[in-house]
Amino acid sequence: MITIPSHPRYLSVIRSVTATMADIYGMADRAREDVKLAVDEACSNVMKYAYRGDTGRKIVVKFFIRKAFEVVIEDSGIKARPESIEGRSLDDVRPGGLGVHFIRRTFDVFAFDQRKKKGNRLRLIRHRREEDEDRDRGQ
């Protein structure tokens, strides 16, 4: 578990810890990079939407390595409305707004825990994939 201030300068810490945990899990290099960037994007979204840029708040990121690779991101900010979370159209070619697409492509599960009364708890789960198995076999 890691707790960081909700300031963008701490995202490098999140990326580093996520990459290390993915490596421990045995994730293939490309998958590790995707997971690292997806978790970074999710934390950036907490800063931008849940905390509305308030850099004095906290973000808690927990990692669980079991049969799957799980990341839980918690905040005490504005409650997300999962039904309204979607990236902009992929046909709308311009910078930004594609983070949710990337997170959903990278992880098998993207779910908010509605039991959390204040703030948000986002669960991201990635099951072991064939490219990870190839790495384990040294290929």
N, C-alpha and C. Protein backbone atom coordinates (compact mmCIF):
# COMPACT_ATOMS: atom_id res chain seq x y z
N MET A 1 0.85 -1.17 0.00
CA MET A 1 0.00 0.00 0.00
C MET A 1 0.90 1.23 0.00
N ILE A 2 0.47 2.21 -0.76
CA ILE A 2 1.19 3.48 -0.82
C ILE A 2 0.17 4.61 -0.74
N THR A 3 0.51 5.64 -0.01
CA THR A 3 -0.33 6.83 0.10
C THR A 3 0.48 8.01 -0.41
N ILE A 4 -0.11 8.74 -1.36
CA ILE A 4 0.57 9.91 -1.91
C ILE A 4 -0.32 11.14 -1.79
N PRO A 5 0.29 12.32 -1.77
CA PRO A 5 -0.50 13.55 -1.88
C PRO A 5 -1.10 13.62 -3.29
N SER A 6 -2.21 14.31 -3.42
CA SER A 6 -2.90 14.41 -4.71
C SER A 6 -2.28 15.50 -5.59
N HIS A 7 -0.99 15.41 -5.76
CA HIS A 7 -0.27 16.37 -6.59
C HIS A 7 0.39 15.60 -7.74
N PRO A 8 0.31 16.12 -8.96
CA PRO A 8 0.87 15.40 -10.11
C PRO A 8 2.33 15.00 -9.97
N ARG A 9 3.12 15.74 -9.21
CA ARG A 9 4.54 15.39 -9.10
C ARG A 9 4.75 14.03 -8.43
N TYR A 10 3.75 13.51 -7.73
CA TYR A 10 3.88 12.21 -7.08
C TYR A 10 3.46 11.04 -7.97
N LEU A 11 2.98 11.35 -9.16
CA LEU A 11 2.60 10.27 -10.09
C LEU A 11 3.80 9.42 -10.49
N SER A 12 4.98 10.00 -10.49
CA SER A 12 6.18 9.21 -10.82
C SER A 12 6.39 8.10 -9.79
N VAL A 13 6.04 8.36 -8.55
CA VAL A 13 6.14 7.34 -7.50
C VAL A 13 5.14 6.21 -7.78
N ILE A 14 3.94 6.58 -8.14
CA ILE A 14 2.91 5.58 -8.48
C ILE A 14 3.36 4.73 -9.66
N ARG A 15 3.91 5.36 -10.70
CA ARG A 15 4.38 4.61 -11.86
C ARG A 15 5.48 3.64 -11.48
N SER A 16 6.41 4.08 -10.66
CA SER A 16 7.53 3.24 -10.26
C SER A 16 7.07 2.03 -9.43
N VAL A 17 6.22 2.27 -8.45
CA VAL A 17 5.73 1.18 -7.60
C VAL A 17 4.87 0.21 -8.42
N THR A 18 4.03 0.75 -9.29
CA THR A 18 3.18 -0.11 -10.12
C THR A 18 4.04 -1.00 -11.01
N ALA A 19 5.05 -0.43 -11.64
CA ALA A 19 5.94 -1.22 -12.51
C ALA A 19 6.65 -2.32 -11.72
N THR A 20 7.10 -1.99 -10.52
CA THR A 20 7.78 -2.98 -9.69
C THR A 20 6.83 -4.11 -9.30
N MET A 21 5.62 -3.76 -8.89
CA MET A 21 4.64 -4.79 -8.51
C MET A 21 4.26 -5.66 -9.71
N ALA A 22 4.11 -5.06 -10.88
CA ALA A 22 3.80 -5.82 -12.09
C ALA A 22 4.94 -6.76 -12.44
N ASP A 23 6.16 -6.31 -12.22
CA ASP A 23 7.33 -7.15 -12.47
C ASP A 23 7.36 -8.33 -11.50
N ILE A 24 7.06 -8.08 -10.24
CA ILE A 24 6.99 -9.16 -9.25
C ILE A 24 5.92 -10.18 -9.66
N TYR A 25 4.81 -9.69 -10.18
CA TYR A 25 3.73 -10.57 -10.64
C TYR A 25 4.17 -11.42 -11.83
N GLY A 26 5.18 -10.95 -12.56
CA GLY A 26 5.67 -11.68 -13.71
C GLY A 26 5.06 -11.22 -15.02
N MET A 27 4.59 -10.00 -15.03
CA MET A 27 3.95 -9.45 -16.21
C MET A 27 4.99 -9.21 -17.31
N ALA A 28 4.60 -9.46 -18.53
CA ALA A 28 5.46 -9.18 -19.69
C ALA A 28 5.75 -7.68 -19.75
N ASP A 29 6.86 -7.32 -20.38
CA ASP A 29 7.30 -5.93 -20.41
C ASP A 29 6.24 -4.97 -20.94
N ARG A 30 5.63 -5.31 -22.06
CA ARG A 30 4.62 -4.42 -22.66
C ARG A 30 3.41 -4.27 -21.74
N ALA A 31 2.98 -5.38 -21.15
CA ALA A 31 1.84 -5.35 -20.23
C ALA A 31 2.18 -4.51 -19.00
N ARG A 32 3.40 -4.65 -18.50
CA ARG A 32 3.83 -3.87 -17.33
C ARG A 32 3.75 -2.38 -17.65
N GLU A 33 4.20 -1.98 -18.82
CA GLU A 33 4.14 -0.57 -19.20
C GLU A 33 2.70 -0.08 -19.32
N ASP A 34 1.84 -0.91 -19.91
CA ASP A 34 0.42 -0.54 -20.04
C ASP A 34 -0.23 -0.38 -18.67
N VAL A 35 0.02 -1.32 -17.77
CA VAL A 35 -0.55 -1.27 -16.42
C VAL A 35 -0.05 -0.03 -15.68
N LYS A 36 1.23 0.24 -15.81
CA LYS A 36 1.83 1.42 -15.16
C LYS A 36 1.13 2.70 -15.62
N LEU A 37 0.93 2.82 -16.92
CA LEU A 37 0.29 4.04 -17.45
C LEU A 37 -1.20 4.10 -17.11
N ALA A 38 -1.86 2.95 -17.07
CA ALA A 38 -3.29 2.93 -16.73
C ALA A 38 -3.52 3.35 -15.28
N VAL A 39 -2.68 2.87 -14.37
CA VAL A 39 -2.81 3.26 -12.95
C VAL A 39 -2.49 4.74 -12.80
N ASP A 40 -1.48 5.22 -13.51
CA ASP A 40 -1.16 6.65 -13.52
C ASP A 40 -2.37 7.45 -13.98
N GLU A 41 -3.01 7.01 -15.03
CA GLU A 41 -4.19 7.71 -15.56
C GLU A 41 -5.33 7.72 -14.55
N ALA A 42 -5.56 6.59 -13.89
CA ALA A 42 -6.63 6.51 -12.89
C ALA A 42 -6.35 7.47 -11.73
N CYS A 43 -5.10 7.54 -11.27
CA CYS A 43 -4.74 8.48 -10.20
C CYS A 43 -4.85 9.92 -10.67
N SER A 44 -4.48 10.18 -11.90
CA SER A 44 -4.64 11.53 -12.47
C SER A 44 -6.10 11.94 -12.48
N ASN A 45 -6.96 10.98 -12.80
CA ASN A 45 -8.40 11.26 -12.81
C ASN A 45 -8.92 11.58 -11.41
N VAL A 46 -8.37 10.92 -10.39
CA VAL A 46 -8.75 11.25 -9.00
C VAL A 46 -8.40 12.71 -8.75
N MET A 47 -7.18 13.10 -9.11
CA MET A 47 -6.73 14.48 -8.89
C MET A 47 -7.63 15.48 -9.61
N LYS A 48 -7.96 15.16 -10.85
CA LYS A 48 -8.71 16.08 -11.70
C LYS A 48 -10.20 16.14 -11.35
N TYR A 49 -10.82 14.97 -11.14
CA TYR A 49 -12.28 14.93 -10.98
C TYR A 49 -12.74 14.78 -9.53
N ALA A 50 -12.16 13.87 -8.77
CA ALA A 50 -12.60 13.67 -7.39
C ALA A 50 -12.15 14.82 -6.49
N TYR A 51 -10.93 15.32 -6.72
CA TYR A 51 -10.38 16.37 -5.89
C TYR A 51 -10.39 17.74 -6.55
N ARG A 52 -10.79 17.81 -7.81
CA ARG A 52 -10.89 19.08 -8.54
C ARG A 52 -9.62 19.93 -8.42
N GLY A 53 -8.45 19.24 -8.48
CA GLY A 53 -7.18 19.94 -8.46
C GLY A 53 -6.64 20.28 -7.08
N ASP A 54 -7.34 19.92 -6.02
CA ASP A 54 -6.87 20.18 -4.65
C ASP A 54 -5.66 19.28 -4.37
N THR A 55 -4.49 19.87 -4.26
CA THR A 55 -3.25 19.09 -4.09
C THR A 55 -2.96 18.71 -2.64
N GLY A 56 -3.83 19.09 -1.72
CA GLY A 56 -3.62 18.78 -0.31
C GLY A 56 -4.33 17.53 0.17
N ARG A 57 -4.86 16.75 -0.72
CA ARG A 57 -5.61 15.54 -0.35
C ARG A 57 -4.72 14.31 -0.51
N LYS A 58 -5.25 13.15 -0.17
CA LYS A 58 -4.48 11.90 -0.22
C LYS A 58 -5.12 10.91 -1.19
N ILE A 59 -4.27 10.11 -1.82
CA ILE A 59 -4.71 9.00 -2.66
C ILE A 59 -4.01 7.76 -2.11
N VAL A 60 -4.79 6.72 -1.87
CA VAL A 60 -4.25 5.46 -1.37
C VAL A 60 -4.31 4.44 -2.50
N VAL A 61 -3.19 3.79 -2.77
CA VAL A 61 -3.13 2.76 -3.82
C VAL A 61 -2.66 1.47 -3.18
N LYS A 62 -3.46 0.43 -3.34
CA LYS A 62 -3.13 -0.88 -2.78
C LYS A 62 -2.93 -1.87 -3.91
N PHE A 63 -1.97 -2.77 -3.74
CA PHE A 63 -1.67 -3.79 -4.74
C PHE A 63 -1.88 -5.16 -4.11
N PHE A 64 -2.52 -6.04 -4.87
CA PHE A 64 -2.72 -7.42 -4.44
C PHE A 64 -2.26 -8.33 -5.56
N ILE A 65 -1.35 -9.21 -5.22
CA ILE A 65 -0.86 -10.17 -6.21
C ILE A 65 -1.36 -11.54 -5.77
N ARG A 66 -2.33 -12.02 -6.50
CA ARG A 66 -2.94 -13.33 -6.23
C ARG A 66 -2.93 -14.08 -7.55
N LYS A 67 -4.04 -14.71 -7.87
CA LYS A 67 -4.16 -15.33 -9.20
C LYS A 67 -4.21 -14.25 -10.26
N ALA A 68 -4.63 -13.06 -9.87
CA ALA A 68 -4.69 -11.91 -10.77
C ALA A 68 -3.90 -10.78 -10.15
N PHE A 69 -3.64 -9.75 -10.94
CA PHE A 69 -2.97 -8.54 -10.48
C PHE A 69 -4.07 -7.52 -10.19
N GLU A 70 -4.18 -7.10 -8.95
CA GLU A 70 -5.26 -6.19 -8.57
C GLU A 70 -4.70 -4.91 -7.98
N VAL A 71 -5.29 -3.79 -8.39
CA VAL A 71 -4.94 -2.47 -7.87
C VAL A 71 -6.24 -1.85 -7.36
N VAL A 72 -6.19 -1.33 -6.13
CA VAL A 72 -7.33 -0.63 -5.55
C VAL A 72 -6.89 0.80 -5.27
N ILE A 73 -7.64 1.75 -5.81
CA ILE A 73 -7.32 3.17 -5.66
C ILE A 73 -8.45 3.82 -4.87
N GLU A 74 -8.09 4.45 -3.74
CA GLU A 74 -9.10 5.06 -2.87
C GLU A 74 -8.84 6.55 -2.69
N ASP A 75 -9.93 7.30 -2.62
CA ASP A 75 -9.86 8.72 -2.35
C ASP A 75 -11.04 9.11 -1.47
N SER A 76 -11.03 10.35 -1.00
CA SER A 76 -12.14 10.85 -0.19
C SER A 76 -12.79 12.06 -0.87
N GLY A 77 -12.72 12.05 -2.18
CA GLY A 77 -13.23 13.18 -2.96
C GLY A 77 -14.68 13.04 -3.38
N ILE A 78 -15.03 13.78 -4.41
CA ILE A 78 -16.39 13.78 -4.95
C ILE A 78 -16.71 12.39 -5.49
N LYS A 79 -17.86 11.89 -5.12
CA LYS A 79 -18.29 10.55 -5.51
C LYS A 79 -18.43 10.46 -7.04
N ALA A 80 -17.80 9.44 -7.60
CA ALA A 80 -17.90 9.20 -9.05
C ALA A 80 -19.28 8.62 -9.38
N ARG A 81 -19.74 8.91 -10.57
CA ARG A 81 -20.96 8.30 -11.08
C ARG A 81 -20.53 7.36 -12.20
N PRO A 82 -20.30 6.07 -11.86
CA PRO A 82 -19.76 5.13 -12.85
C PRO A 82 -20.52 5.08 -14.16
N GLU A 83 -21.83 5.27 -14.10
CA GLU A 83 -22.63 5.20 -15.32
C GLU A 83 -22.30 6.33 -16.28
N SER A 84 -21.69 7.39 -15.77
CA SER A 84 -21.37 8.53 -16.64
C SER A 84 -19.90 8.54 -17.06
N ILE A 85 -19.13 7.54 -16.62
CA ILE A 85 -17.71 7.52 -16.95
C ILE A 85 -17.50 6.79 -18.27
N GLU A 86 -17.11 7.55 -19.25
CA GLU A 86 -16.76 6.96 -20.54
C GLU A 86 -15.82 7.91 -21.25
N GLY A 87 -14.90 7.35 -21.97
CA GLY A 87 -13.99 8.18 -22.75
C GLY A 87 -14.74 8.77 -23.93
N ARG A 88 -14.18 9.82 -24.48
CA ARG A 88 -14.84 10.40 -25.66
C ARG A 88 -14.71 9.45 -26.84
N SER A 89 -15.45 9.70 -27.84
CA SER A 89 -15.47 8.85 -29.03
C SER A 89 -14.07 8.70 -29.60
N LEU A 90 -13.74 7.47 -29.99
CA LEU A 90 -12.44 7.22 -30.61
C LEU A 90 -12.35 7.87 -31.99
N ASP A 91 -13.47 8.25 -32.55
CA ASP A 91 -13.50 8.94 -33.84
C ASP A 91 -13.13 10.42 -33.70
N ASP A 92 -13.22 10.93 -32.47
CA ASP A 92 -12.90 12.33 -32.19
C ASP A 92 -11.40 12.44 -31.95
N VAL A 93 -10.66 12.67 -33.03
CA VAL A 93 -9.19 12.65 -32.98
C VAL A 93 -8.65 13.99 -32.50
N ARG A 94 -8.18 13.99 -31.26
CA ARG A 94 -7.53 15.14 -30.64
C ARG A 94 -6.91 14.66 -29.34
N PRO A 95 -5.99 15.43 -28.77
CA PRO A 95 -5.34 15.00 -27.53
C PRO A 95 -6.31 14.91 -26.35
N GLY A 96 -6.03 13.98 -25.44
CA GLY A 96 -6.78 13.87 -24.19
C GLY A 96 -8.08 13.11 -24.32
N GLY A 97 -8.61 12.70 -23.16
CA GLY A 97 -9.93 12.08 -23.11
C GLY A 97 -9.97 10.60 -23.43
N LEU A 98 -8.81 9.97 -23.60
CA LEU A 98 -8.80 8.55 -23.95
C LEU A 98 -8.36 7.65 -22.80
N GLY A 99 -8.13 8.23 -21.63
CA GLY A 99 -7.64 7.47 -20.49
C GLY A 99 -8.54 6.33 -20.07
N VAL A 100 -9.84 6.55 -20.05
CA VAL A 100 -10.78 5.50 -19.65
C VAL A 100 -10.74 4.34 -20.63
N HIS A 101 -10.65 4.64 -21.92
CA HIS A 101 -10.53 3.57 -22.92
C HIS A 101 -9.28 2.73 -22.64
N PHE A 102 -8.19 3.41 -22.37
CA PHE A 102 -6.92 2.73 -22.13
C PHE A 102 -6.98 1.87 -20.86
N ILE A 103 -7.55 2.42 -19.79
CA ILE A 103 -7.67 1.66 -18.54
C ILE A 103 -8.51 0.41 -18.77
N ARG A 104 -9.64 0.57 -19.44
CA ARG A 104 -10.53 -0.59 -19.68
C ARG A 104 -9.90 -1.62 -20.61
N ARG A 105 -9.07 -1.17 -21.53
CA ARG A 105 -8.38 -2.11 -22.42
C ARG A 105 -7.29 -2.87 -21.67
N THR A 106 -6.66 -2.21 -20.72
CA THR A 106 -5.53 -2.79 -19.99
C THR A 106 -5.99 -3.76 -18.90
N PHE A 107 -7.06 -3.42 -18.22
CA PHE A 107 -7.55 -4.25 -17.11
C PHE A 107 -8.81 -5.00 -17.52
N ASP A 108 -8.98 -6.19 -16.93
CA ASP A 108 -10.17 -7.01 -17.20
C ASP A 108 -11.36 -6.53 -16.38
N VAL A 109 -11.11 -5.95 -15.22
CA VAL A 109 -12.16 -5.44 -14.35
C VAL A 109 -11.86 -3.98 -14.04
N PHE A 110 -12.87 -3.14 -14.21
CA PHE A 110 -12.83 -1.71 -13.89
C PHE A 110 -14.12 -1.46 -13.14
N ALA A 111 -14.07 -1.43 -11.79
CA ALA A 111 -15.31 -1.36 -11.02
C ALA A 111 -15.16 -0.49 -9.79
N PHE A 112 -16.17 0.35 -9.56
CA PHE A 112 -16.22 1.15 -8.35
C PHE A 112 -16.96 0.37 -7.27
N ASP A 113 -16.44 0.39 -6.07
CA ASP A 113 -17.08 -0.25 -4.92
C ASP A 113 -18.09 0.75 -4.37
N GLN A 114 -19.35 0.48 -4.59
CA GLN A 114 -20.41 1.41 -4.19
C GLN A 114 -20.66 1.39 -2.67
N ARG A 115 -20.05 0.44 -1.96
CA ARG A 115 -20.23 0.37 -0.51
C ARG A 115 -19.44 1.46 0.21
N LYS A 116 -18.47 2.03 -0.44
CA LYS A 116 -17.68 3.12 0.18
C LYS A 116 -18.58 4.35 0.26
N LYS A 117 -18.80 4.80 1.48
CA LYS A 117 -19.76 5.90 1.70
C LYS A 117 -19.23 7.26 1.25
N LYS A 118 -17.96 7.55 1.57
CA LYS A 118 -17.39 8.85 1.21
C LYS A 118 -16.21 8.62 0.27
N GLY A 119 -16.22 9.31 -0.83
CA GLY A 119 -15.14 9.15 -1.79
C GLY A 119 -15.34 7.94 -2.68
N ASN A 120 -14.23 7.44 -3.21
CA ASN A 120 -14.29 6.38 -4.21
C ASN A 120 -13.29 5.28 -3.90
N ARG A 121 -13.64 4.09 -4.32
CA ARG A 121 -12.73 2.94 -4.27
C ARG A 121 -12.86 2.24 -5.63
N LEU A 122 -11.81 2.36 -6.42
CA LEU A 122 -11.79 1.77 -7.76
C LEU A 122 -10.96 0.50 -7.73
N ARG A 123 -11.54 -0.59 -8.21
CA ARG A 123 -10.83 -1.87 -8.30
C ARG A 123 -10.48 -2.13 -9.76
N LEU A 124 -9.20 -2.36 -10.00
CA LEU A 124 -8.70 -2.70 -11.33
C LEU A 124 -8.07 -4.08 -11.22
N ILE A 125 -8.53 -5.02 -12.04
CA ILE A 125 -8.00 -6.39 -11.98
C ILE A 125 -7.58 -6.82 -13.38
N ARG A 126 -6.39 -7.38 -13.44
CA ARG A 126 -5.87 -7.92 -14.71
C ARG A 126 -5.50 -9.38 -14.45
N HIS A 127 -6.13 -10.25 -15.20
CA HIS A 127 -5.83 -11.68 -15.08
C HIS A 127 -4.56 -12.00 -15.87
N ARG A 128 -3.90 -13.05 -15.46
CA ARG A 128 -2.68 -13.48 -16.15
C ARG A 128 -3.03 -13.77 -17.61
N ARG A 129 -2.16 -13.33 -18.50
CA ARG A 129 -2.41 -13.48 -19.93
C ARG A 129 -1.29 -14.28 -20.58
N GLU A 130 -1.51 -14.67 -21.80
CA GLU A 130 -0.56 -15.53 -22.50
C GLU A 130 0.84 -14.91 -22.57
N GLU A 131 0.92 -13.60 -22.79
CA GLU A 131 2.24 -12.97 -22.89
C GLU A 131 3.01 -13.07 -21.56
N ASP A 132 2.28 -13.10 -20.44
CA ASP A 132 2.93 -13.28 -19.13
C ASP A 132 3.46 -14.70 -19.00
N GLU A 133 2.69 -15.66 -19.51
CA GLU A 133 3.11 -17.06 -19.45
C GLU A 133 4.38 -17.26 -20.29
N ASP A 134 4.45 -16.58 -21.45
CA ASP A 134 5.64 -16.69 -22.29
C ASP A 134 6.87 -16.17 -21.55
N ARG A 135 6.69 -15.08 -20.79
CA ARG A 135 7.80 -14.53 -20.03
C ARG A 135 8.26 -15.53 -18.97
N ASP A 136 7.30 -16.16 -18.30
CA ASP A 136 7.65 -17.16 -17.27
C ASP A 136 8.45 -18.32 -17.84
N ARG A 137 8.18 -18.64 -19.10
CA ARG A 137 8.89 -19.74 -19.76
C ARG A 137 10.21 -19.28 -20.38
N GLY A 138 10.51 -17.99 -20.25
CA GLY A 138 11.78 -17.46 -20.77
C GLY A 138 11.76 -17.19 -22.25
N GLN A 139 10.60 -17.02 -22.83
CA GLN A 139 10.51 -16.78 -24.27
C GLN A 139 10.44 -15.31 -24.56
